Amino acid sequence: MRNRYLDLLRFLAIIRVVVYHVTGWATLTLLFPAMSVMFALAGSLMAASLDRSGVPAVGRRLRRLLPSLWVVAAILVPAMLLTGLPLTPKVLLWAFPVADPPANYWGSLALSVIWYLRDYLWFVFASPLALWLFRRAPWPTLLAPYVLLAAIEVGMLPNAPTVLRDFGLYFGAWLLGFAHHDGLLRRMATRVLVPTALALGAAGAAWIVTHPGPRGYDLNDMPMGNALWSAAFILVAIGRAPASAAWVDGNALLGRAVTVLNRRALTAYLWHMPFVVALTPLVDVVGWSHQDPVGLAIRVALVFALVGVVTVLFGWVEDVAAGRPPELLPGGRPPTAARPGGAPAGGAVVPVSPAPAGQAMVPAPRAPEEYTIKLSAR
């Protein structure tokens, strides 16, 4: 059974990301550190997939992740090649972005969100070993990314590659997802979890206040503050996640919206930034500045409307990648009846996250330059 509370968190995270990119409001990054939350949720799901399928879960995750990127690349990479992007072997990184793929002047902004897929790929590759280590030495494994990030921040690793830096920044959130799946966070006594969250939040806040970036108190400009503040947020928001949130579906409109955006999260994430960039010249023409609340509201509404259109056009690719029947808008059909014994029709085994407290994790049966992409759009 899906945990609708976690679905709601992912729904809110996507909305926050889009609104932030339209408005540029740094406060939003503090109120809801969306990227770390998304990595934590992905880490929990990855742990469930590994428990169900073992190492082959890595390939399955990639098959679910990459097709939506290929759709974007099939449309926008030719457009960049026609507007000045040199045709070099590096263009192949758009098929498998283990490093930042090349882009021209407008593509470096419109496709700046590709960093998320780059990090996601590396985290997926690292997950089998990381989960093995986590279950044998949870606390040292969990602390390792934060120690790495601290070493980079104080200058001990001055030329650290971007991917290594992001392991320090976001892999801790991914590992907190492991902790959520295994029930470690749920089993933490409140008298331990709450002071830990408060201490991390206080340390993160102190770093943020003393290390403001060019955009003020924007978490994207201060990795150490981002990691600590986000860890505190995750401990509270996910560490005390309810087992279910049936009230989400109590409102038909909200329930459908949460379902649609969860099933189309990657499509919405990949396509919203090109629309933000494309609307900028129009915004200048009609005078919708960032200081105009009505203009900002219109811009946000337009971006969401365009994302809705592209979701209808291309979102079904996520269904095909996940082995589901393609739908224009998910959630319109009643759930498939379960087979005897609790397995859903089709033979798929639904991963349970978090894992039942105290139970061993047993794998279930397998079911039948050019410009370099900028990394500030988070």
Protein backbone atom coordinates (compact mmCIF):
# COMPACT_ATOMS: atom_id res chain seq x y z
CA MET A 1 0.00 0.00 0.00
CA ARG A 2 1.27 3.46 -0.83
CA ASN A 3 1.71 5.86 2.04
CA ARG A 4 -0.34 8.87 0.98
CA TYR A 5 1.49 11.08 3.45
CA LEU A 6 4.74 10.47 1.55
CA ASP A 7 2.88 11.06 -1.71
CA LEU A 8 1.68 14.37 -0.28
CA LEU A 9 5.25 15.35 0.66
CA ARG A 10 6.43 14.65 -2.89
CA PHE A 11 3.46 16.61 -4.27
CA LEU A 12 4.33 19.61 -2.09
CA ALA A 13 8.02 19.33 -2.96
CA ILE A 14 7.36 19.55 -6.70
CA ILE A 15 5.05 22.51 -6.25
CA ARG A 16 7.62 24.26 -4.07
CA VAL A 17 10.36 23.73 -6.65
CA VAL A 18 8.25 25.19 -9.45
CA VAL A 19 7.08 28.19 -7.42
CA TYR A 20 10.65 28.89 -6.30
CA HIS A 21 11.97 28.87 -9.84
CA VAL A 22 9.27 31.27 -10.96
CA THR A 23 9.48 33.67 -8.02
CA GLY A 24 13.05 33.28 -6.81
CA TRP A 25 11.88 33.59 -3.20
CA ALA A 26 14.79 32.33 -1.08
CA THR A 27 12.52 31.93 1.95
CA LEU A 28 10.84 28.97 0.26
CA THR A 29 14.07 26.96 0.48
CA LEU A 30 14.05 27.40 4.26
CA LEU A 31 10.37 26.68 4.74
CA PHE A 32 10.54 23.49 2.68
CA PRO A 33 13.94 22.09 1.59
CA ALA A 34 12.29 20.29 -1.31
CA MET A 35 15.30 18.72 -3.02
CA SER A 36 16.55 17.00 0.13
CA VAL A 37 13.02 15.77 0.85
CA MET A 38 12.79 14.35 -2.68
CA PHE A 39 16.12 12.56 -2.26
CA ALA A 40 15.02 11.15 1.11
CA LEU A 41 11.79 9.81 -0.39
CA ALA A 42 13.74 8.36 -3.32
CA GLY A 43 16.20 6.71 -0.92
CA SER A 44 13.34 5.06 0.96
CA LEU A 45 11.86 3.73 -2.28
CA MET A 46 15.28 2.55 -3.48
CA ALA A 47 15.79 0.57 -0.27
CA ALA A 48 12.38 -1.03 -0.77
CA SER A 49 13.28 -1.92 -4.37
CA LEU A 50 16.59 -3.47 -3.32
CA ASP A 51 14.83 -5.54 -0.68
CA ARG A 52 12.36 -6.74 -3.27
CA SER A 53 14.69 -7.39 -6.21
CA GLY A 54 18.29 -7.12 -5.06
CA VAL A 55 20.94 -5.52 -7.28
CA PRO A 56 18.74 -5.80 -10.43
CA ALA A 57 16.69 -3.02 -8.84
CA VAL A 58 19.41 -0.64 -10.06
CA GLY A 59 18.62 -1.44 -13.68
CA ARG A 60 14.90 -1.22 -13.06
CA ARG A 61 15.28 2.19 -11.46
CA LEU A 62 17.28 3.45 -14.41
CA ARG A 63 14.66 2.16 -16.84
CA ARG A 64 12.06 4.15 -14.95
CA LEU A 65 14.20 7.26 -14.74
CA LEU A 66 15.74 7.75 -18.17
CA PRO A 67 12.88 7.61 -20.74
CA SER A 68 11.39 10.91 -19.57
CA LEU A 69 14.81 12.53 -20.00
CA TRP A 70 15.12 11.06 -23.49
CA VAL A 71 11.84 12.73 -24.48
CA VAL A 72 13.16 16.09 -23.31
CA ALA A 73 16.50 15.52 -25.05
CA ALA A 74 14.83 14.44 -28.31
CA ILE A 75 13.13 17.82 -28.50
CA LEU A 76 15.52 20.30 -26.93
CA VAL A 77 18.95 18.92 -27.88
CA PRO A 78 18.28 19.33 -31.64
CA ALA A 79 17.04 22.84 -30.86
CA MET A 80 20.32 23.60 -29.08
CA LEU A 81 22.34 22.11 -31.93
CA LEU A 82 20.53 24.43 -34.33
CA THR A 83 21.27 27.44 -32.13
CA GLY A 84 24.98 27.06 -31.58
CA LEU A 85 25.70 23.93 -29.54
CA PRO A 86 28.70 22.10 -31.08
CA LEU A 87 28.08 18.47 -32.00
CA THR A 88 30.66 16.58 -29.92
CA PRO A 89 30.71 13.17 -28.23
CA LYS A 90 29.71 14.90 -25.00
CA VAL A 91 26.22 15.31 -26.41
CA LEU A 92 25.76 11.61 -25.63
CA LEU A 93 25.60 12.58 -21.96
CA TRP A 94 22.01 13.64 -22.67
CA ALA A 95 21.22 9.94 -22.94
CA PHE A 96 22.98 9.01 -19.71
CA PRO A 97 23.93 12.09 -17.65
CA VAL A 98 26.55 10.74 -15.26
CA ALA A 99 28.23 14.13 -15.77
CA ASP A 100 26.83 17.51 -16.73
CA PRO A 101 25.77 17.33 -20.40
CA PRO A 102 26.66 20.21 -22.70
CA ALA A 103 24.24 23.03 -23.43
CA ASN A 104 24.22 26.33 -25.29
CA TYR A 105 23.43 29.73 -23.79
CA TRP A 106 19.67 29.24 -23.33
CA GLY A 107 19.84 25.50 -22.69
CA SER A 108 22.15 26.00 -19.71
CA LEU A 109 19.25 27.73 -17.97
CA ALA A 110 16.28 25.86 -19.38
CA LEU A 111 17.83 22.49 -18.61
CA SER A 112 19.70 23.39 -15.45
CA VAL A 113 17.59 20.93 -13.44
CA ILE A 114 19.47 18.01 -15.04
CA TRP A 115 21.83 18.06 -12.05
CA TYR A 116 19.10 16.23 -10.10
CA LEU A 117 19.14 13.29 -12.52
CA ARG A 118 22.93 13.25 -12.49
CA ASP A 119 23.00 12.94 -8.73
CA TYR A 120 20.08 10.49 -8.74
CA LEU A 121 21.97 8.17 -11.11
CA TRP A 122 25.06 8.14 -8.91
CA PHE A 123 22.98 7.58 -5.77
CA VAL A 124 21.22 4.64 -7.42
CA PHE A 125 24.56 3.11 -8.43
CA ALA A 126 25.87 3.53 -4.88
CA SER A 127 22.75 2.20 -3.17
CA PRO A 128 23.45 -1.57 -3.08
CA LEU A 129 26.77 -1.05 -1.30
CA ALA A 130 25.46 1.86 0.78
CA LEU A 131 22.45 -0.14 2.00
CA TRP A 132 24.72 -3.07 2.89
CA LEU A 133 26.98 -0.74 4.89
CA PHE A 134 24.05 1.10 6.43
CA ARG A 135 22.54 -2.09 7.86
CA ARG A 136 25.84 -3.11 9.41
CA ALA A 137 26.96 0.28 10.71
CA PRO A 138 24.00 2.67 10.42
CA TRP A 139 25.30 5.68 12.29
CA PRO A 140 28.84 5.83 10.82
CA THR A 141 27.36 5.35 7.34
CA LEU A 142 24.76 8.04 7.93
CA LEU A 143 27.34 10.50 9.22
CA ALA A 144 29.84 9.88 6.39
CA PRO A 145 28.26 12.28 3.81
CA TYR A 146 28.12 15.11 6.35
CA VAL A 147 31.76 14.56 7.30
CA LEU A 148 32.65 14.60 3.60
CA LEU A 149 30.76 17.85 3.07
CA ALA A 150 32.41 19.44 6.11
CA ALA A 151 35.83 18.48 4.76
CA ILE A 152 35.00 20.12 1.44
CA GLU A 153 33.57 23.24 3.10
CA VAL A 154 36.63 23.86 5.31
CA GLY A 155 38.98 23.47 2.36
CA MET A 156 40.43 20.02 3.03
CA LEU A 157 39.28 18.93 -0.46
CA PRO A 158 39.53 22.19 -2.41
CA ASN A 159 39.13 20.66 -5.88
CA ALA A 160 36.42 18.16 -5.09
CA PRO A 161 34.37 17.19 -8.16
CA THR A 162 30.80 18.43 -8.27
CA VAL A 163 29.39 14.92 -7.92
CA LEU A 164 31.48 14.30 -4.80
CA ARG A 165 30.29 17.57 -3.30
CA ASP A 166 26.69 16.61 -3.98
CA PHE A 167 27.26 13.24 -2.33
CA GLY A 168 28.13 15.22 0.77
CA LEU A 169 25.17 17.54 0.33
CA TYR A 170 22.35 15.17 -0.64
CA PHE A 171 23.40 11.56 -0.03
CA GLY A 172 22.79 12.08 3.68
CA ALA A 173 19.14 12.74 2.84
CA TRP A 174 19.11 9.58 0.68
CA LEU A 175 20.48 7.59 3.63
CA LEU A 176 17.83 9.08 5.90
CA GLY A 177 15.41 7.55 3.39
CA PHE A 178 17.08 4.20 4.10
CA ALA A 179 16.58 4.85 7.82
CA HIS A 180 12.92 5.62 7.22
CA HIS A 181 12.39 2.46 5.19
CA ASP A 182 14.08 0.25 7.78
CA GLY A 183 12.02 1.79 10.57
CA LEU A 184 15.09 3.21 12.31
CA LEU A 185 13.64 6.72 12.49
CA ARG A 186 10.28 5.46 13.69
CA ARG A 187 11.93 3.43 16.46
CA MET A 188 13.89 6.43 17.71
CA ALA A 189 12.37 7.67 20.95
CA THR A 190 10.88 11.13 20.71
CA ARG A 191 13.21 12.25 23.51
CA VAL A 192 16.10 11.42 21.15
CA LEU A 193 14.69 12.40 17.76
CA VAL A 194 13.36 15.84 18.74
CA PRO A 195 16.56 17.08 20.45
CA THR A 196 18.60 15.72 17.55
CA ALA A 197 16.44 17.57 15.05
CA LEU A 198 16.61 20.75 17.13
CA ALA A 199 20.41 20.52 17.38
CA LEU A 200 20.79 19.97 13.64
CA GLY A 201 18.36 22.78 12.89
CA ALA A 202 20.17 25.15 15.24
CA ALA A 203 23.55 24.28 13.71
CA GLY A 204 22.12 24.72 10.22
CA ALA A 205 20.51 28.04 11.14
CA ALA A 206 23.75 29.31 12.65
CA TRP A 207 25.64 28.41 9.48
CA ILE A 208 22.98 30.02 7.30
CA VAL A 209 22.99 33.28 9.26
CA THR A 210 26.78 33.51 9.32
CA HIS A 211 27.32 32.44 5.69
CA PRO A 212 24.75 34.30 3.58
CA GLY A 213 25.07 33.81 -0.16
CA PRO A 214 24.55 36.15 -3.11
CA ARG A 215 20.80 35.58 -2.86
CA GLY A 216 20.63 36.08 0.88
CA TYR A 217 19.47 33.12 2.94
CA ASP A 218 18.95 30.78 0.04
CA LEU A 219 19.88 27.20 0.94
CA ASN A 220 21.18 26.58 -2.57
CA ASP A 221 24.10 28.94 -1.88
CA MET A 222 25.24 27.36 1.41
CA PRO A 223 25.75 23.56 1.18
CA MET A 224 26.64 22.97 4.84
CA GLY A 225 23.70 24.95 6.14
CA ASN A 226 21.49 23.24 3.55
CA ALA A 227 22.54 19.74 4.62
CA LEU A 228 22.07 20.38 8.35
CA TRP A 229 18.78 22.28 8.03
CA SER A 230 17.41 19.68 5.63
CA ALA A 231 18.39 16.80 7.91
CA ALA A 232 16.46 18.42 10.76
CA PHE A 233 13.45 18.91 8.50
CA ILE A 234 13.55 15.30 7.29
CA LEU A 235 13.81 13.92 10.81
CA VAL A 236 10.60 15.69 11.75
CA ALA A 237 8.65 15.46 8.48
CA ILE A 238 9.58 11.87 7.59
CA GLY A 239 10.85 10.46 10.87
CA ARG A 240 7.42 10.91 12.38
CA ALA A 241 5.49 10.21 9.18
CA PRO A 242 2.09 8.62 9.84
CA ALA A 243 1.54 5.12 8.54
CA SER A 244 -1.18 6.47 6.28
CA ALA A 245 -2.99 9.69 5.46
CA ALA A 246 -6.43 8.63 4.28
CA TRP A 247 -7.64 12.21 4.60
CA VAL A 248 -5.68 13.07 1.45
CA ASP A 249 -8.23 11.10 -0.56
CA GLY A 250 -11.11 12.46 1.48
CA ASN A 251 -11.12 15.38 -0.93
CA ALA A 252 -11.46 14.00 -4.46
CA LEU A 253 -9.72 16.96 -6.09
CA LEU A 254 -6.74 16.91 -3.72
CA GLY A 255 -6.43 13.13 -3.93
CA ARG A 256 -6.42 13.18 -7.72
CA ALA A 257 -3.92 16.05 -7.84
CA VAL A 258 -1.56 14.21 -5.48
CA THR A 259 -1.86 11.05 -7.57
CA VAL A 260 -1.27 12.83 -10.87
CA LEU A 261 1.78 14.77 -9.70
CA ASN A 262 3.32 11.69 -8.07
CA ARG A 263 2.89 9.65 -11.25
CA ARG A 264 4.18 12.57 -13.33
CA ALA A 265 6.79 13.97 -10.95
CA LEU A 266 9.71 13.53 -13.34
CA THR A 267 7.85 15.00 -16.31
CA ALA A 268 6.81 18.05 -14.29
CA TYR A 269 10.30 18.50 -12.89
CA LEU A 270 12.11 18.25 -16.22
CA TRP A 271 9.75 20.49 -18.19
CA HIS A 272 8.92 23.31 -15.80
CA MET A 273 12.24 25.13 -16.09
CA PRO A 274 12.14 25.45 -19.91
CA PHE A 275 8.76 27.13 -19.51
CA VAL A 276 10.09 29.47 -16.82
CA VAL A 277 12.91 30.50 -19.18
CA ALA A 278 10.64 30.77 -22.23
CA LEU A 279 8.20 33.05 -20.41
CA THR A 280 10.90 35.49 -19.27
CA PRO A 281 10.95 37.59 -22.49
CA LEU A 282 7.16 37.77 -22.46
CA VAL A 283 7.26 38.84 -18.83
CA ASP A 284 9.58 41.69 -19.74
CA VAL A 285 7.26 42.83 -22.52
CA VAL A 286 4.12 43.00 -20.39
CA GLY A 287 5.89 44.23 -17.25
CA TRP A 288 5.24 41.34 -14.86
CA SER A 289 8.11 42.04 -12.50
CA HIS A 290 9.04 40.07 -9.39
CA GLN A 291 7.72 42.99 -7.35
CA ASP A 292 4.23 42.69 -8.87
CA PRO A 293 2.16 40.13 -6.90
CA VAL A 294 -0.49 39.87 -9.62
CA GLY A 295 2.14 39.40 -12.29
CA LEU A 296 3.90 36.73 -10.23
CA ALA A 297 0.63 34.89 -9.68
CA ILE A 298 -0.05 34.95 -13.42
CA ARG A 299 3.44 33.67 -14.18
CA VAL A 300 3.07 30.82 -11.71
CA ALA A 301 -0.32 29.92 -13.14
CA LEU A 302 1.02 29.97 -16.71
CA VAL A 303 3.96 27.70 -15.86
CA PHE A 304 1.69 25.20 -14.12
CA ALA A 305 -0.73 25.32 -17.04
CA LEU A 306 2.07 24.61 -19.53
CA VAL A 307 3.40 21.82 -17.32
CA GLY A 308 -0.12 20.39 -17.30
CA VAL A 309 -0.21 20.42 -21.10
CA VAL A 310 3.17 18.70 -21.47
CA THR A 311 2.17 16.21 -18.80
CA VAL A 312 -0.80 15.15 -20.89
CA LEU A 313 1.37 14.99 -24.02
CA PHE A 314 4.38 13.12 -22.63
CA GLY A 315 3.58 11.99 -19.10
CA TRP A 316 2.42 8.56 -20.28
CA VAL A 317 6.11 7.79 -20.90
CA GLU A 318 6.46 7.42 -17.13
CA ASP A 319 3.70 4.82 -17.17
CA VAL A 320 5.41 2.81 -19.90
CA ALA A 321 8.77 3.07 -18.12
CA ALA A 322 7.16 1.75 -14.92
CA GLY A 323 5.38 -1.09 -16.71
CA ARG A 324 1.93 0.42 -16.17
CA PRO A 325 -0.81 0.85 -18.78
CA PRO A 326 -0.35 4.36 -20.21
CA GLU A 327 -2.85 7.00 -19.12
CA LEU A 328 -3.29 10.64 -20.09
CA LEU A 329 -4.10 11.54 -16.48
CA PRO A 330 -3.47 8.94 -13.77
CA GLY A 331 -5.86 8.13 -11.00
CA GLY A 332 -9.06 8.03 -12.98
CA ARG A 333 -9.60 4.29 -12.72
CA PRO A 334 -10.35 2.35 -9.54
CA PRO A 335 -7.41 0.38 -8.08
CA THR A 336 -6.79 -3.02 -9.64
CA ALA A 337 -8.33 -5.80 -7.62
CA ALA A 338 -5.88 -7.75 -5.56
CA ARG A 339 -5.20 -11.38 -6.24
CA PRO A 340 -5.66 -13.96 -3.50
CA GLY A 341 -2.89 -13.70 -0.95
CA GLY A 342 -2.64 -9.92 -1.14
CA ALA A 343 -0.57 -9.54 -4.33
CA PRO A 344 -1.96 -7.06 -6.84
CA ALA A 345 -3.04 -8.26 -10.24
CA GLY A 346 -0.13 -8.55 -12.63
CA GLY A 347 2.14 -10.29 -10.14
CA ALA A 348 3.95 -7.14 -8.97
CA VAL A 349 4.94 -7.00 -5.33
CA VAL A 350 4.30 -3.62 -3.75
CA PRO A 351 7.28 -2.45 -1.68
CA VAL A 352 6.43 -1.61 1.91
CA SER A 353 8.13 1.48 3.30
CA PRO A 354 8.90 1.83 6.10
CA ALA A 355 9.64 -1.81 6.79
CA PRO A 356 7.74 -3.35 9.71
CA ALA A 357 9.63 -2.68 12.91
CA GLY A 358 11.75 -5.56 14.06
CA GLN A 359 11.32 -7.64 10.93
CA ALA A 360 14.23 -8.83 8.86
CA MET A 361 14.33 -7.59 5.33
CA VAL A 362 13.73 -10.57 3.04
CA PRO A 363 13.80 -10.03 -0.72
CA ALA A 364 10.43 -10.76 -2.29
CA PRO A 365 10.05 -12.57 -5.60
CA ARG A 366 10.87 -10.66 -8.73
CA ALA A 367 7.99 -9.48 -10.84
CA PRO A 368 7.31 -10.68 -14.49
CA GLU A 369 31.84 23.76 -23.69
CA GLU A 370 29.70 24.81 -25.12
CA TYR A 371 28.14 25.89 -21.85
CA THR A 372 28.09 23.51 -18.92
CA ILE A 373 24.76 23.10 -17.18
CA LYS A 374 24.51 25.48 -14.24
CA LEU A 375 23.82 23.93 -10.85
CA SER A 376 21.97 26.75 -9.09
CA ALA A 377 18.41 25.83 -10.05
CA ARG A 378 17.33 23.64 -7.16
